[in-house]
Amino acid sequence: MARTVYCVKLGRELPGLEKPPFPGSLGQRIYEQISQQAYDLWPAQSTLIINHYSLNMADPEARTILREQMEDFFFGQDAAMPEGWAPEAAGAGTAPNSKGGGGGASRKK
């Protein structure tokens, strides 16, 4: 049986990650408090942030900014998803060849 966590992002008990996503205290905190379902929201959000701020991931400062945004995304004051939120069904609302991104919540810094 998969391990479960109380996901602070989605506000309920859900299957957790199999292992911390990366070393360090933030990776451990995500492992302990974020579900796999919530963690799966991060790649789209990180792409949005990288593109919006034109971050060069070879730059250590850009990686620091992205890590701060990740912490805010999962644990910040506005981190919880809106009440009644449900993940969109795979492929719903998108044309097969559409480009662009589903928008995530904008983050102020």
N, C-alpha and C. Protein backbone atom coordinates (compact mmCIF):
# COMPACT_ATOMS: atom_id res chain seq x y z
N MET A 1 0.84 -1.19 0.00
CA MET A 1 0.00 0.00 0.00
C MET A 1 0.88 1.25 0.00
N ALA A 2 0.47 2.24 -0.79
CA ALA A 2 1.24 3.48 -0.88
C ALA A 2 1.14 4.26 0.42
N ARG A 3 2.23 4.93 0.76
CA ARG A 3 2.22 5.75 1.97
C ARG A 3 1.37 6.98 1.71
N THR A 4 0.66 7.43 2.73
CA THR A 4 -0.18 8.61 2.56
C THR A 4 0.34 9.73 3.45
N VAL A 5 0.02 10.94 3.03
CA VAL A 5 0.39 12.13 3.80
C VAL A 5 -0.83 13.04 3.83
N TYR A 6 -0.90 13.89 4.85
CA TYR A 6 -1.88 14.96 4.81
C TYR A 6 -1.24 16.05 3.96
N CYS A 7 -1.76 16.26 2.77
CA CYS A 7 -1.19 17.21 1.82
C CYS A 7 -1.64 18.63 2.18
N VAL A 8 -0.67 19.48 2.53
CA VAL A 8 -1.00 20.85 2.89
C VAL A 8 -1.43 21.68 1.67
N LYS A 9 -1.04 21.26 0.49
CA LYS A 9 -1.43 21.98 -0.74
C LYS A 9 -2.88 21.70 -1.10
N LEU A 10 -3.28 20.41 -1.01
CA LEU A 10 -4.63 20.03 -1.43
C LEU A 10 -5.59 19.85 -0.26
N GLY A 11 -5.06 19.86 0.97
CA GLY A 11 -5.90 19.84 2.15
C GLY A 11 -6.58 18.53 2.48
N ARG A 12 -5.95 17.41 2.11
CA ARG A 12 -6.54 16.11 2.44
C ARG A 12 -5.48 15.01 2.41
N GLU A 13 -5.84 13.85 2.94
CA GLU A 13 -4.95 12.68 2.92
C GLU A 13 -4.90 12.13 1.50
N LEU A 14 -3.68 11.98 1.00
CA LEU A 14 -3.47 11.46 -0.36
C LEU A 14 -2.18 10.66 -0.39
N PRO A 15 -2.00 9.83 -1.42
CA PRO A 15 -0.72 9.11 -1.55
C PRO A 15 0.44 10.09 -1.66
N GLY A 16 1.50 9.80 -0.92
CA GLY A 16 2.67 10.66 -0.91
C GLY A 16 3.69 10.26 -1.95
N LEU A 17 4.76 11.00 -2.00
CA LEU A 17 5.88 10.70 -2.89
C LEU A 17 6.58 9.43 -2.39
N GLU A 18 7.22 8.71 -3.29
CA GLU A 18 7.96 7.51 -2.91
C GLU A 18 9.25 7.84 -2.16
N LYS A 19 9.84 8.99 -2.49
CA LYS A 19 11.08 9.42 -1.84
C LYS A 19 11.17 10.94 -1.96
N PRO A 20 12.02 11.57 -1.16
CA PRO A 20 12.16 13.03 -1.31
C PRO A 20 12.56 13.37 -2.75
N PRO A 21 12.00 14.45 -3.31
CA PRO A 21 12.27 14.78 -4.71
C PRO A 21 13.70 15.26 -4.97
N PHE A 22 14.37 15.75 -3.94
CA PHE A 22 15.76 16.18 -4.04
C PHE A 22 16.31 16.29 -2.63
N PRO A 23 17.64 16.32 -2.49
CA PRO A 23 18.23 16.39 -1.15
C PRO A 23 17.97 17.73 -0.46
N GLY A 24 18.11 17.75 0.84
CA GLY A 24 18.00 18.99 1.60
C GLY A 24 16.70 19.10 2.35
N SER A 25 16.61 20.15 3.13
CA SER A 25 15.45 20.33 4.00
C SER A 25 14.15 20.56 3.23
N LEU A 26 14.20 21.31 2.13
CA LEU A 26 12.99 21.54 1.36
C LEU A 26 12.50 20.24 0.73
N GLY A 27 13.41 19.44 0.19
CA GLY A 27 13.03 18.14 -0.38
C GLY A 27 12.39 17.25 0.67
N GLN A 28 12.92 17.24 1.88
CA GLN A 28 12.37 16.43 2.96
C GLN A 28 11.00 16.95 3.38
N ARG A 29 10.86 18.25 3.44
CA ARG A 29 9.58 18.85 3.82
C ARG A 29 8.49 18.53 2.79
N ILE A 30 8.86 18.59 1.52
CA ILE A 30 7.91 18.23 0.45
C ILE A 30 7.52 16.77 0.59
N TYR A 31 8.49 15.90 0.84
CA TYR A 31 8.24 14.47 1.01
C TYR A 31 7.24 14.21 2.14
N GLU A 32 7.38 14.94 3.23
CA GLU A 32 6.56 14.72 4.42
C GLU A 32 5.17 15.37 4.34
N GLN A 33 5.01 16.45 3.56
CA GLN A 33 3.77 17.22 3.63
C GLN A 33 3.05 17.43 2.30
N ILE A 34 3.60 16.94 1.21
CA ILE A 34 3.00 17.17 -0.11
C ILE A 34 2.70 15.83 -0.78
N SER A 35 1.52 15.71 -1.34
CA SER A 35 1.12 14.47 -2.03
C SER A 35 1.74 14.40 -3.42
N GLN A 36 1.72 13.21 -3.97
CA GLN A 36 2.19 13.03 -5.35
C GLN A 36 1.34 13.86 -6.30
N GLN A 37 0.04 13.87 -6.06
CA GLN A 37 -0.88 14.64 -6.92
C GLN A 37 -0.52 16.13 -6.91
N ALA A 38 -0.24 16.68 -5.74
CA ALA A 38 0.14 18.10 -5.66
C ALA A 38 1.50 18.33 -6.28
N TYR A 39 2.44 17.42 -6.05
CA TYR A 39 3.77 17.58 -6.61
C TYR A 39 3.72 17.56 -8.14
N ASP A 40 2.79 16.80 -8.69
CA ASP A 40 2.64 16.73 -10.15
C ASP A 40 2.17 18.05 -10.76
N LEU A 41 1.69 18.98 -9.93
CA LEU A 41 1.31 20.32 -10.41
C LEU A 41 2.53 21.22 -10.63
N TRP A 42 3.65 20.87 -9.99
CA TRP A 42 4.83 21.74 -10.01
C TRP A 42 5.48 21.90 -11.38
N PRO A 43 5.65 20.88 -12.21
CA PRO A 43 6.33 21.11 -13.50
C PRO A 43 5.69 22.20 -14.35
N ALA A 44 4.38 22.23 -14.44
CA ALA A 44 3.72 23.28 -15.23
C ALA A 44 3.95 24.65 -14.60
N GLN A 45 3.88 24.71 -13.27
CA GLN A 45 4.09 25.98 -12.57
C GLN A 45 5.53 26.45 -12.74
N SER A 46 6.48 25.52 -12.63
CA SER A 46 7.89 25.92 -12.77
C SER A 46 8.18 26.42 -14.19
N THR A 47 7.59 25.79 -15.18
CA THR A 47 7.77 26.25 -16.56
C THR A 47 7.22 27.67 -16.72
N LEU A 48 6.06 27.90 -16.14
CA LEU A 48 5.46 29.23 -16.19
C LEU A 48 6.39 30.27 -15.56
N ILE A 49 6.97 29.95 -14.40
CA ILE A 49 7.87 30.87 -13.70
C ILE A 49 9.15 31.10 -14.51
N ILE A 50 9.74 30.03 -15.01
CA ILE A 50 10.98 30.14 -15.79
C ILE A 50 10.76 31.03 -17.01
N ASN A 51 9.65 30.81 -17.70
CA ASN A 51 9.37 31.61 -18.89
C ASN A 51 9.01 33.05 -18.55
N HIS A 52 8.20 33.24 -17.52
CA HIS A 52 7.77 34.59 -17.15
C HIS A 52 8.95 35.47 -16.75
N TYR A 53 9.85 34.91 -15.95
CA TYR A 53 11.00 35.69 -15.47
C TYR A 53 12.25 35.49 -16.33
N SER A 54 12.12 34.76 -17.44
CA SER A 54 13.25 34.48 -18.33
C SER A 54 14.46 33.97 -17.54
N LEU A 55 14.20 32.97 -16.69
CA LEU A 55 15.27 32.43 -15.85
C LEU A 55 16.19 31.54 -16.66
N ASN A 56 17.47 31.70 -16.45
CA ASN A 56 18.49 30.83 -17.04
C ASN A 56 18.89 29.85 -15.95
N MET A 57 18.51 28.59 -16.09
CA MET A 57 18.73 27.62 -15.03
C MET A 57 20.19 27.26 -14.82
N ALA A 58 21.08 27.76 -15.67
CA ALA A 58 22.52 27.59 -15.45
C ALA A 58 23.03 28.61 -14.43
N ASP A 59 22.23 29.63 -14.18
CA ASP A 59 22.60 30.69 -13.23
C ASP A 59 22.17 30.29 -11.82
N PRO A 60 23.10 30.23 -10.87
CA PRO A 60 22.75 29.85 -9.51
C PRO A 60 21.67 30.74 -8.88
N GLU A 61 21.69 32.02 -9.22
CA GLU A 61 20.66 32.94 -8.69
C GLU A 61 19.27 32.55 -9.21
N ALA A 62 19.19 32.15 -10.48
CA ALA A 62 17.91 31.73 -11.06
C ALA A 62 17.40 30.47 -10.36
N ARG A 63 18.30 29.55 -10.04
CA ARG A 63 17.89 28.33 -9.33
C ARG A 63 17.39 28.67 -7.93
N THR A 64 18.02 29.64 -7.29
CA THR A 64 17.57 30.09 -5.97
C THR A 64 16.17 30.68 -6.07
N ILE A 65 15.93 31.50 -7.08
CA ILE A 65 14.61 32.10 -7.28
C ILE A 65 13.57 31.01 -7.49
N LEU A 66 13.88 30.02 -8.32
CA LEU A 66 12.93 28.95 -8.59
C LEU A 66 12.65 28.13 -7.32
N ARG A 67 13.67 27.88 -6.54
CA ARG A 67 13.49 27.14 -5.28
C ARG A 67 12.59 27.93 -4.32
N GLU A 68 12.79 29.24 -4.24
CA GLU A 68 11.93 30.08 -3.40
C GLU A 68 10.49 30.05 -3.89
N GLN A 69 10.32 30.09 -5.20
CA GLN A 69 8.98 30.02 -5.78
C GLN A 69 8.33 28.66 -5.50
N MET A 70 9.15 27.59 -5.52
CA MET A 70 8.63 26.27 -5.22
C MET A 70 8.14 26.20 -3.78
N GLU A 71 8.94 26.74 -2.87
CA GLU A 71 8.54 26.74 -1.46
C GLU A 71 7.25 27.53 -1.27
N ASP A 72 7.14 28.66 -1.93
CA ASP A 72 5.93 29.47 -1.85
C ASP A 72 4.74 28.74 -2.47
N PHE A 73 4.95 28.05 -3.58
CA PHE A 73 3.89 27.31 -4.26
C PHE A 73 3.31 26.23 -3.35
N PHE A 74 4.17 25.52 -2.65
CA PHE A 74 3.71 24.43 -1.79
C PHE A 74 3.32 24.87 -0.39
N PHE A 75 4.00 25.86 0.17
CA PHE A 75 3.82 26.17 1.59
C PHE A 75 3.47 27.63 1.90
N GLY A 76 3.43 28.50 0.91
CA GLY A 76 3.15 29.91 1.15
C GLY A 76 1.74 30.16 1.64
N GLN A 77 1.46 31.40 2.01
CA GLN A 77 0.15 31.77 2.55
C GLN A 77 -0.99 31.40 1.60
N ASP A 78 -0.79 31.58 0.31
CA ASP A 78 -1.83 31.30 -0.68
C ASP A 78 -1.62 29.95 -1.36
N ALA A 79 -0.94 29.03 -0.68
CA ALA A 79 -0.58 27.76 -1.30
C ALA A 79 -1.77 26.83 -1.48
N ALA A 80 -2.75 26.88 -0.61
CA ALA A 80 -3.87 25.95 -0.70
C ALA A 80 -4.65 26.20 -1.99
N MET A 81 -5.10 25.12 -2.59
CA MET A 81 -5.91 25.23 -3.79
C MET A 81 -7.30 25.74 -3.39
N PRO A 82 -8.00 26.41 -4.28
CA PRO A 82 -9.33 26.93 -3.95
C PRO A 82 -10.28 25.80 -3.53
N GLU A 83 -11.19 26.12 -2.62
CA GLU A 83 -12.15 25.13 -2.17
C GLU A 83 -12.95 24.62 -3.35
N GLY A 84 -13.14 23.32 -3.42
CA GLY A 84 -13.86 22.72 -4.52
C GLY A 84 -13.01 22.44 -5.74
N TRP A 85 -11.71 22.77 -5.70
CA TRP A 85 -10.82 22.52 -6.82
C TRP A 85 -10.68 21.03 -7.07
N ALA A 86 -10.68 20.66 -8.33
CA ALA A 86 -10.43 19.28 -8.71
C ALA A 86 -9.51 19.32 -9.92
N PRO A 87 -8.56 18.38 -10.03
CA PRO A 87 -7.67 18.39 -11.19
C PRO A 87 -8.46 18.18 -12.48
N GLU A 88 -8.04 18.85 -13.51
CA GLU A 88 -8.68 18.73 -14.81
C GLU A 88 -8.39 17.35 -15.38
N ALA A 89 -9.37 16.73 -16.00
CA ALA A 89 -9.16 15.43 -16.63
C ALA A 89 -8.12 15.56 -17.72
N ALA A 90 -7.33 14.53 -17.91
CA ALA A 90 -6.25 14.56 -18.91
C ALA A 90 -6.82 14.92 -20.27
N GLY A 91 -6.26 15.95 -20.88
CA GLY A 91 -6.66 16.35 -22.22
C GLY A 91 -7.90 17.23 -22.27
N ALA A 92 -8.58 17.41 -21.18
CA ALA A 92 -9.81 18.21 -21.20
C ALA A 92 -9.49 19.67 -21.47
N GLY A 93 -10.23 20.25 -22.36
CA GLY A 93 -10.11 21.68 -22.61
C GLY A 93 -8.93 22.08 -23.47
N THR A 94 -8.22 21.13 -24.05
CA THR A 94 -7.10 21.49 -24.91
C THR A 94 -7.24 20.81 -26.25
N ALA A 95 -6.88 21.51 -27.27
CA ALA A 95 -6.86 20.93 -28.61
C ALA A 95 -5.60 20.08 -28.73
N PRO A 96 -5.63 19.03 -29.56
CA PRO A 96 -4.48 18.13 -29.65
C PRO A 96 -3.17 18.82 -29.98
N ASN A 97 -3.18 19.85 -30.82
CA ASN A 97 -1.94 20.50 -31.22
C ASN A 97 -1.79 21.89 -30.62
N SER A 98 -2.49 22.17 -29.53
CA SER A 98 -2.41 23.51 -28.96
C SER A 98 -1.08 23.72 -28.27
N LYS A 99 -0.62 24.95 -28.31
CA LYS A 99 0.60 25.33 -27.60
C LYS A 99 0.22 26.32 -26.53
N GLY A 100 1.14 26.59 -25.67
CA GLY A 100 0.85 27.52 -24.60
C GLY A 100 0.65 26.75 -23.33
N GLY A 101 0.34 27.42 -22.30
CA GLY A 101 0.26 26.71 -21.04
C GLY A 101 -1.02 26.99 -20.32
N GLY A 102 -1.35 26.01 -19.53
CA GLY A 102 -2.40 26.24 -18.59
C GLY A 102 -1.83 27.19 -17.56
N GLY A 103 -2.52 28.16 -17.20
CA GLY A 103 -2.00 29.13 -16.26
C GLY A 103 -2.04 28.61 -14.84
N GLY A 104 -1.02 28.87 -14.12
CA GLY A 104 -1.03 28.62 -12.69
C GLY A 104 -1.31 29.95 -12.03
N ALA A 105 -1.52 29.91 -10.76
CA ALA A 105 -1.73 31.16 -10.03
C ALA A 105 -0.46 32.00 -10.10
N SER A 106 -0.61 33.27 -10.32
CA SER A 106 0.58 34.12 -10.37
C SER A 106 1.12 34.31 -8.97
N ARG A 107 2.39 34.47 -8.89
CA ARG A 107 3.07 34.63 -7.60
C ARG A 107 3.70 36.00 -7.54
N LYS A 108 3.51 36.67 -6.44
CA LYS A 108 4.13 37.98 -6.23
C LYS A 108 5.39 37.78 -5.42
N LYS A 109 6.40 38.44 -5.78
CA LYS A 109 7.68 38.42 -5.03
C LYS A 109 8.26 39.78 -5.03
